[in-house]
Protein backbone atom coordinates (compact mmCIF):
# COMPACT_ATOMS: atom_id res chain seq x y z
CA MET A 1 17.82 -52.53 -4.01
CA ILE A 2 19.21 -49.14 -4.13
CA ASP A 3 20.15 -47.50 -0.61
CA PRO A 4 18.61 -44.00 -1.02
CA GLU A 5 21.16 -42.59 1.42
CA LYS A 6 24.13 -44.12 -0.40
CA TYR A 7 22.72 -42.92 -3.81
CA VAL A 8 22.36 -39.37 -2.50
CA ALA A 9 25.63 -39.58 -1.05
CA GLU A 10 27.28 -40.45 -4.23
CA LYS A 11 25.55 -37.75 -6.36
CA LEU A 12 26.51 -35.02 -3.79
CA GLU A 13 30.10 -36.10 -4.04
CA LEU A 14 29.82 -36.23 -7.88
CA LEU A 15 28.45 -32.75 -7.60
CA ARG A 16 31.37 -31.76 -5.36
CA THR A 17 34.06 -33.12 -7.40
CA SER A 18 33.01 -32.59 -10.90
CA ARG A 19 34.35 -29.14 -12.09
CA LYS A 20 32.17 -29.56 -15.32
CA ILE A 21 28.96 -29.70 -13.36
CA GLN A 22 30.02 -27.01 -11.07
CA LYS A 23 30.50 -24.60 -14.03
CA ARG A 24 27.19 -25.46 -15.51
CA ILE A 25 25.60 -24.39 -12.23
CA ILE A 26 27.41 -21.16 -12.11
CA LEU A 27 26.47 -20.46 -15.52
CA VAL A 28 22.74 -21.02 -14.84
CA ILE A 29 23.07 -18.69 -11.77
CA ILE A 30 24.71 -16.09 -14.00
CA VAL A 31 21.99 -16.31 -16.43
CA LEU A 32 19.23 -16.15 -13.93
CA LEU A 33 20.77 -13.05 -12.24
CA LEU A 34 21.06 -11.31 -15.61
CA ALA A 35 17.42 -11.97 -16.40
CA LEU A 36 16.40 -10.62 -13.09
CA ALA A 37 18.70 -7.50 -13.69
CA ALA A 38 17.04 -7.06 -17.18
CA LYS A 39 13.57 -7.25 -15.70
CA PHE A 40 14.50 -4.56 -13.05
CA ALA A 41 16.06 -2.38 -15.89
CA TYR A 42 12.81 -2.81 -17.89
CA GLU A 43 10.63 -1.64 -15.12
CA LEU A 44 12.70 1.49 -14.79
CA LEU A 45 12.25 2.58 -18.46
CA PRO A 46 9.56 5.06 -19.06
CA ARG A 47 6.39 3.66 -20.29
CA HIS A 48 3.70 5.12 -22.58
CA TYR A 49 0.16 3.95 -22.35
CA ASN A 50 -2.69 4.27 -24.84
CA LEU A 51 -6.21 4.11 -23.75
CA SER A 52 -9.91 4.79 -24.87
CA LEU A 53 -12.43 6.53 -22.68
CA THR A 54 -16.00 7.63 -23.07
CA GLY A 55 -17.93 10.31 -21.12
CA GLY A 56 -21.21 9.78 -22.80
CA GLY A 57 -22.78 12.19 -25.17
CA LEU A 58 -20.99 15.09 -27.00
CA LEU A 59 -23.17 17.70 -25.04
CA SER A 60 -22.66 16.06 -21.57
CA ASN A 61 -20.57 17.50 -18.73
CA ARG A 62 -18.97 13.98 -18.49
CA HIS A 63 -17.76 14.11 -22.15
CA HIS A 64 -16.19 17.61 -21.29
CA LEU A 65 -14.65 16.04 -18.24
CA ALA A 66 -13.26 13.07 -20.27
CA LYS A 67 -11.86 15.55 -22.75
CA ILE A 68 -9.86 17.57 -20.01
CA LEU A 69 -8.64 14.09 -18.39
CA SER A 70 -7.36 13.29 -21.81
CA GLU A 71 -5.53 16.34 -22.32
CA GLU A 72 -3.95 16.32 -18.74
CA SER A 73 -3.16 12.82 -18.82
CA ASN A 74 -0.41 13.46 -21.44
CA GLN A 75 1.93 14.74 -18.63
CA GLN A 76 1.64 11.12 -17.01
CA ASN A 77 2.73 9.59 -20.37
CA VAL A 78 -0.95 8.31 -20.92
CA SER A 79 -2.70 9.14 -24.31
CA ILE A 80 -6.51 9.01 -24.02
CA ARG A 81 -8.89 8.64 -26.92
CA VAL A 82 -12.31 9.99 -26.14
CA THR A 83 -15.16 8.29 -27.76
CA PRO A 84 -18.77 9.47 -27.37
CA THR A 85 -21.49 6.97 -26.50
CA SER A 86 -25.37 7.29 -26.15
CA GLY A 87 -25.24 6.58 -22.25
CA SER A 88 -23.88 4.79 -19.35
CA LEU A 89 -25.48 1.45 -20.32
CA GLN A 90 -23.89 1.31 -23.85
CA ALA A 91 -20.47 2.44 -22.09
CA LEU A 92 -20.65 -0.45 -19.62
CA ASP A 93 -21.35 -3.01 -22.41
CA LEU A 94 -18.26 -1.60 -24.48
CA VAL A 95 -16.01 -1.75 -21.42
CA ASP A 96 -17.19 -5.07 -20.52
CA ALA A 97 -16.50 -6.37 -23.97
CA GLY A 98 -13.01 -4.89 -23.93
CA LYS A 99 -13.86 -2.33 -26.66
CA LEU A 100 -13.27 0.53 -24.48
CA ASP A 101 -10.65 0.94 -21.69
CA LEU A 102 -12.35 3.47 -19.34
CA ALA A 103 -15.90 5.20 -18.97
CA PHE A 104 -17.49 7.65 -16.79
CA ILE A 105 -20.90 6.25 -15.57
CA GLN A 106 -23.58 7.32 -13.29
CA GLY A 107 -24.43 5.47 -10.19
CA GLY A 108 -27.80 3.52 -9.80
CA LEU A 109 -27.00 0.95 -12.46
CA GLU A 110 -26.79 -2.80 -12.42
CA SER A 111 -23.18 -3.97 -11.55
CA ASN A 112 -23.49 -7.52 -13.05
CA TYR A 113 -20.43 -6.97 -15.57
CA GLU A 114 -17.79 -9.65 -15.01
CA ASN A 115 -14.95 -7.59 -16.80
CA VAL A 116 -15.85 -3.95 -15.48
CA ARG A 117 -13.75 -2.73 -12.34
CA HIS A 118 -14.21 0.52 -10.14
CA VAL A 119 -11.53 3.01 -10.55
CA ALA A 120 -12.75 6.14 -8.85
CA THR A 121 -15.70 8.17 -7.59
CA ILE A 122 -16.23 11.71 -8.48
CA SER A 123 -18.57 14.10 -6.72
CA PRO A 124 -22.42 13.53 -7.43
CA GLU A 125 -24.22 14.82 -10.40
CA LEU A 126 -27.42 16.46 -10.03
CA ILE A 127 -30.95 15.34 -11.46
CA HIS A 128 -32.54 18.32 -13.08
CA VAL A 129 -36.14 18.11 -13.61
CA LEU A 130 -37.29 20.62 -16.09
CA VAL A 131 -40.85 21.38 -16.33
CA LYS A 132 -43.11 23.64 -18.34
CA PRO A 133 -44.94 26.44 -16.67
CA GLY A 134 -47.79 25.13 -14.90
CA ILE A 135 -46.16 22.08 -13.19
CA GLU A 136 -45.34 23.04 -9.52
CA SER A 137 -44.86 19.63 -7.88
CA ILE A 138 -44.12 16.05 -8.76
CA LYS A 139 -47.91 15.18 -8.73
CA ASP A 140 -48.67 17.47 -11.55
CA ILE A 141 -46.50 15.50 -13.71
CA ARG A 142 -49.36 12.72 -13.73
CA GLY A 143 -50.82 12.62 -17.27
CA LYS A 144 -47.63 14.57 -19.07
CA THR A 145 -44.97 13.47 -21.44
CA VAL A 146 -41.52 12.92 -19.71
CA ASN A 147 -38.36 12.63 -21.56
CA MET A 148 -35.92 10.41 -19.84
CA GLY A 149 -33.08 10.37 -22.45
CA GLY A 150 -32.01 7.41 -24.85
CA LEU A 151 -32.77 3.89 -24.09
CA LEU A 152 -29.14 2.98 -23.70
CA GLY A 153 -28.67 5.80 -21.21
CA GLY A 154 -28.64 5.51 -17.24
CA THR A 155 -30.78 8.54 -16.81
CA ARG A 156 -33.98 6.54 -17.74
CA ILE A 157 -33.30 3.74 -15.24
CA VAL A 158 -32.63 6.46 -12.40
CA ALA A 159 -35.75 8.59 -13.43
CA LYS A 160 -37.99 5.58 -13.44
CA GLN A 161 -36.93 4.43 -9.91
CA ILE A 162 -37.52 7.86 -8.67
CA PHE A 163 -40.86 8.38 -10.20
CA ASP A 164 -41.98 4.97 -8.85
CA MET A 165 -41.00 6.01 -5.30
CA SER A 166 -42.98 8.97 -5.93
CA GLY A 167 -46.17 7.22 -6.71
CA LEU A 168 -46.00 7.65 -10.61
CA LYS A 169 -46.12 4.50 -12.51
CA HIS A 170 -44.38 4.21 -15.73
CA GLY A 171 -46.71 3.73 -18.92
CA VAL A 172 -49.78 4.49 -16.58
CA ASP A 173 -49.32 8.05 -15.07
CA TYR A 174 -47.16 9.55 -17.73
CA VAL A 175 -45.84 9.05 -21.36
CA GLU A 176 -42.16 8.17 -21.83
CA LYS A 177 -40.30 10.03 -24.53
CA ASN A 178 -36.60 9.19 -25.40
CA TYR A 179 -35.04 12.11 -27.22
CA SER A 180 -31.17 12.75 -27.08
CA ASP A 181 -29.77 16.07 -25.88
CA ARG A 182 -29.05 17.10 -29.41
CA GLU A 183 -32.87 16.38 -30.47
CA LEU A 184 -34.03 18.28 -27.72
CA ILE A 185 -32.04 21.36 -28.46
CA GLU A 186 -32.87 21.14 -32.16
CA MET A 187 -36.75 20.58 -31.50
CA ARG A 188 -39.36 23.33 -31.82
CA THR A 189 -40.90 24.61 -28.45
CA GLU A 190 -44.40 23.18 -29.12
CA ARG A 191 -43.15 19.73 -29.96
CA LEU A 192 -41.15 19.52 -26.80
CA PRO A 193 -42.28 17.13 -23.79
CA ASP A 194 -43.65 18.64 -20.71
CA VAL A 195 -40.85 17.37 -18.64
CA ILE A 196 -37.38 16.66 -19.22
CA VAL A 197 -34.96 14.60 -16.68
CA LEU A 198 -31.35 15.33 -17.13
CA ILE A 199 -28.39 14.25 -14.97
CA SER A 200 -25.52 16.61 -14.90
CA TYR A 201 -23.33 18.99 -12.87
CA ALA A 202 -24.68 22.49 -12.66
CA PRO A 203 -24.50 24.52 -14.80
CA SER A 204 -25.44 22.45 -17.73
CA ASP A 205 -25.26 23.64 -21.21
CA VAL A 206 -28.59 21.66 -22.18
CA VAL A 207 -30.46 23.20 -19.24
CA ASP A 208 -29.35 26.71 -20.30
CA VAL A 209 -30.85 26.09 -23.57
CA MET A 210 -34.05 24.65 -22.41
CA VAL A 211 -34.49 27.59 -19.96
CA LYS A 212 -33.40 30.59 -21.87
CA LYS A 213 -34.92 29.33 -25.40
CA HIS A 214 -37.78 27.36 -24.43
CA GLY A 215 -38.99 28.89 -21.15
CA TYR A 216 -38.45 25.64 -18.85
CA GLU A 217 -38.48 25.79 -15.23
CA LEU A 218 -36.67 23.63 -12.58
CA LEU A 219 -38.69 21.50 -10.23
CA GLU A 220 -37.41 21.00 -6.73
CA MET A 221 -37.12 17.16 -5.72
CA PRO A 222 -37.20 16.86 -2.04
CA PHE A 223 -34.66 14.35 -0.64
CA PRO A 224 -36.40 12.17 2.09
CA PRO A 225 -33.68 10.11 4.21
CA SER A 226 -35.69 6.96 3.33
CA LEU A 227 -34.81 7.38 -0.44
CA ALA A 228 -31.16 6.99 0.44
CA ILE A 229 -31.99 3.89 2.59
CA ARG A 230 -33.90 2.40 -0.37
CA LEU A 231 -31.53 3.65 -3.13
CA GLY A 232 -27.98 3.57 -1.90
CA TRP A 233 -26.72 5.40 -4.72
CA VAL A 234 -28.51 8.65 -4.08
CA ALA A 235 -27.19 11.84 -2.33
CA ASP A 236 -28.66 14.93 -1.04
CA ALA A 237 -27.64 17.95 -3.27
CA LYS A 238 -28.97 21.34 -4.33
CA ILE A 239 -28.94 23.75 -7.31
CA LEU A 240 -28.20 27.42 -6.26
CA GLY A 241 -30.72 30.17 -6.88
CA TYR A 242 -30.44 32.17 -10.13
CA MET A 243 -28.04 29.44 -11.45
CA TYR A 244 -29.80 29.35 -14.92
CA SER A 245 -31.50 32.66 -15.10
CA ILE A 246 -31.63 36.06 -13.15
CA VAL A 247 -34.62 37.54 -14.95
CA PRO A 248 -36.83 35.60 -14.36
CA ALA A 249 -35.15 33.99 -11.49
CA ILE A 250 -34.45 30.25 -12.31
CA PRO A 251 -34.65 28.77 -9.88
CA PRO A 252 -35.77 31.75 -7.62
CA LYS A 253 -33.96 30.10 -4.43
CA ASP A 254 -31.61 27.32 -3.71
CA ILE A 255 -33.61 24.18 -4.40
CA GLN A 256 -33.19 20.68 -2.89
CA VAL A 257 -32.49 17.88 -5.62
CA ILE A 258 -31.28 14.29 -5.74
CA GLY A 259 -27.64 13.79 -6.57
CA VAL A 260 -26.11 10.76 -8.28
CA ASP A 261 -22.54 9.56 -7.88
CA LEU A 262 -20.36 9.65 -10.90
CA HIS A 263 -17.93 6.64 -11.24
CA LEU A 264 -14.91 6.03 -13.51
CA VAL A 265 -14.74 2.44 -14.33
CA ALA A 266 -12.29 0.23 -16.54
CA ASN A 267 -11.85 -3.19 -17.88
CA LYS A 268 -10.23 -5.51 -15.70
CA ASP A 269 -7.41 -6.22 -18.35
CA VAL A 270 -6.26 -2.43 -18.27
CA ASP A 271 -2.64 -2.10 -17.25
CA PRO A 272 -2.75 -1.22 -13.52
CA LYS A 273 0.08 1.24 -13.94
CA ALA A 274 -1.86 2.99 -16.66
CA VAL A 275 -5.10 3.00 -14.34
CA ALA A 276 -2.95 4.59 -11.36
CA ALA A 277 -1.57 7.40 -13.67
CA VAL A 278 -5.04 8.27 -14.78
CA ILE A 279 -6.33 8.51 -10.98
CA GLU A 280 -3.25 10.76 -10.20
CA THR A 281 -4.42 13.05 -13.04
CA LEU A 282 -7.97 12.93 -12.26
CA TYR A 283 -7.50 14.13 -8.57
CA GLY A 284 -4.69 16.70 -9.44
CA PRO A 285 -5.59 20.41 -9.07
CA ARG A 286 -5.61 21.10 -12.85
CA VAL A 287 -8.51 18.77 -13.67
CA SER A 288 -10.66 20.40 -10.94
CA ASN A 289 -9.68 23.91 -11.85
CA ARG A 290 -10.52 23.28 -15.60
CA PHE A 291 -13.74 21.46 -14.87
CA GLY A 292 -15.04 24.00 -12.49
CA GLN A 293 -16.08 21.30 -9.90
CA LYS A 294 -14.33 19.95 -6.84
CA ILE A 295 -13.14 16.43 -7.25
CA PRO A 296 -12.41 15.39 -3.78
CA GLU A 297 -9.93 12.45 -3.45
CA SER A 298 -11.88 11.31 -0.20
CA GLU A 299 -14.67 10.04 -2.55
CA LEU A 300 -12.31 7.62 -4.41
CA LEU A 301 -13.55 4.32 -2.82
CA SER A 302 -17.44 5.39 -2.70
CA PRO A 303 -19.02 2.17 -3.66
CA SER A 304 -20.18 1.71 -7.23
CA GLY A 305 -21.08 -2.09 -7.11
CA PHE A 306 -17.98 -3.19 -9.14
CA PRO A 307 -14.88 -4.77 -7.67
CA ILE A 308 -12.08 -2.56 -7.18
CA SER A 309 -9.41 -2.26 -9.81
CA GLU A 310 -5.83 -3.39 -9.47
CA GLY A 311 -4.96 0.16 -10.73
CA THR A 312 -6.77 1.80 -7.85
CA GLU A 313 -4.98 -0.47 -5.35
CA LEU A 314 -1.69 0.30 -6.75
CA TYR A 315 -2.52 3.97 -6.38
CA LEU A 316 -3.38 3.81 -2.74
CA ALA A 317 -0.30 1.71 -2.07
CA ARG A 318 1.72 4.54 -3.48
CA LYS A 319 0.09 7.13 -1.16
CA GLU A 320 1.17 5.28 1.86
CA PRO A 321 4.16 6.22 3.63
CA LEU A 322 7.33 4.32 2.76
CA LEU A 323 8.69 3.72 6.41
CA THR A 324 5.50 1.93 7.92
CA GLU A 325 5.79 -0.45 10.80
CA ALA A 326 4.96 -3.39 8.41
CA PHE A 327 7.86 -2.21 6.05
CA ILE A 328 10.36 -2.08 8.90
CA GLU A 329 9.49 -5.62 9.97
CA LYS A 330 9.92 -6.74 6.55
CA ILE A 331 13.44 -5.07 6.29
CA LYS A 332 14.28 -7.05 9.59
CA ALA A 333 12.93 -10.28 7.94
CA LEU A 334 15.13 -9.56 4.91
CA ILE A 335 18.22 -8.98 6.82
CA GLY A 336 17.81 -12.27 8.71
CA LEU A 337 17.15 -14.04 5.33
CA LEU A 338 20.27 -12.49 4.05
CA MET A 339 22.40 -13.38 6.87
CA THR A 340 21.02 -17.00 6.77
CA LEU A 341 21.71 -17.30 3.09
CA GLY A 342 25.28 -15.96 3.74
CA SER A 343 25.97 -18.61 6.30
CA THR A 344 24.55 -21.25 3.91
CA LEU A 345 26.76 -20.05 0.96
CA LEU A 346 29.91 -20.11 3.37
CA VAL A 347 29.11 -23.64 4.34
CA VAL A 348 28.56 -24.59 0.51
CA PHE A 349 31.86 -22.76 -0.35
CA LYS A 350 33.60 -24.68 2.47
CA TRP A 351 32.11 -28.02 1.09
CA PHE A 352 33.19 -27.26 -2.37
CA THR A 353 36.86 -26.30 -1.47
CA MET A 354 37.62 -29.08 1.00
CA SER A 355 41.06 -30.85 0.74
CA GLY A 356 41.59 -32.07 -2.76
CA ALA A 357 42.98 -35.36 -1.33
CA ASP A 358 40.10 -37.19 -2.56
CA ASP A 359 39.91 -35.76 -5.89
CA THR A 360 43.06 -37.48 -7.59
CA ASP A 361 45.38 -40.03 -6.42
CA ASP A 362 48.45 -38.02 -7.42
CA GLU A 363 48.05 -35.82 -4.30
CA SER A 364 48.90 -38.32 -1.76
CA ASP A 365 52.32 -36.50 -1.03
CA ILE A 366 50.74 -33.76 1.08
CA SER A 367 52.37 -33.60 4.32
CA SER A 368 50.69 -34.08 7.75
CA SER A 369 51.53 -30.46 8.66
CA ASP A 370 49.63 -29.32 5.85
CA ASP A 371 46.70 -31.48 6.91
CA ASP A 372 46.76 -29.83 10.24
CA ASP A 373 46.74 -26.50 8.74
CA SER A 374 43.80 -27.21 6.70
CA GLU A 375 41.92 -28.69 9.77
CA THR A 376 42.69 -25.34 11.48
CA VAL A 377 41.37 -23.20 8.56
CA MET A 378 38.17 -25.47 8.40
CA ASP A 379 37.64 -25.14 12.21
CA LYS A 380 37.90 -21.40 11.87
CA LEU A 381 35.26 -21.41 8.88
CA ASP A 382 32.94 -23.60 11.26
CA ALA A 383 33.21 -20.93 13.99
CA ALA A 384 32.55 -18.11 11.58
CA THR A 385 29.43 -19.98 10.01
CA GLU A 386 28.10 -20.63 13.68
CA HIS A 387 28.52 -16.97 14.53
CA LEU A 388 26.74 -15.74 11.36
CA LYS A 389 23.69 -18.18 12.17
CA LYS A 390 23.56 -16.54 15.77
CA LEU A 391 23.41 -13.05 14.29
CA SER A 392 20.56 -14.17 11.89
CA LEU A 393 18.60 -15.43 14.68
């Protein structure tokens, strides 16, 4: 039966005395260190990322924001290709399938998309309820035709929820239409629906056309606090008086409307460094100035229902101060680890460089005085090792 202790001792002794094995170990260590150095060097090299992004329809404010973000991201070594879609639902499907990297979507939508991650939240968009003259309150919508945008757009889902809360049943109290923005602009006035629901920042180019060319007015939508409790994605907002016309005044005064958060989402497999670079661009002053809307960084983590992306976490980590208390504690722990490793290496070095009397038989003529000197050196090494161990503690 093999004695484990004796077996291990023999192998250790072989390792100590065999120069060939020692050279192989040193070679492996050198290769590993070179590989580690190559990894760090690769991380230091400038990287360029190619991403795809949608902001919805060509006539929407989101598409305009996407174009600005695409142009400004070049300074962060990120190239963004902007692809129009018919709405937030289609955008989510494409991001979830990995066919798009990023998308601007509105709040109030289902979040059961496994591959979609939250990147950032932008200021709320405004729900514009455009009505033909004669419709003065939401109850007057009963029996009218209401355009809610495309079937794959998020506007339809949000509008139905608000109308339901207002006592207007879909398919019973109003007739739904699903014209796109382009179709509305190209349509003759007499064929246009009685009510048009649009979600956009103000001013909106589409609303401008509807007001100035077709005579639409804006309907005020009161914001009861209970609505925010029932629908967590809504926000209190307003459209300033005279925003779309001075004569006649549209609206004639500041009106209260419902706001809907705008979110930037990404596929979970998008490189976190690329996402962090996009966020840095999004909240930079140039994007806000060109877009004409405030994009406060304080809204970054306003919930969208999706898990936080790794890129967002990386961006937040970069914003933290370097010399935090936790970082200092890590430095202390690292110093202790290095001292311990140094002590260990000294012991190993001493073990490998012990007297060669056991290596070959032809070294038996070493004098006893030399042995005494060797023992003295070993004692000094032992003392130094013990001192280093105490420092590491």
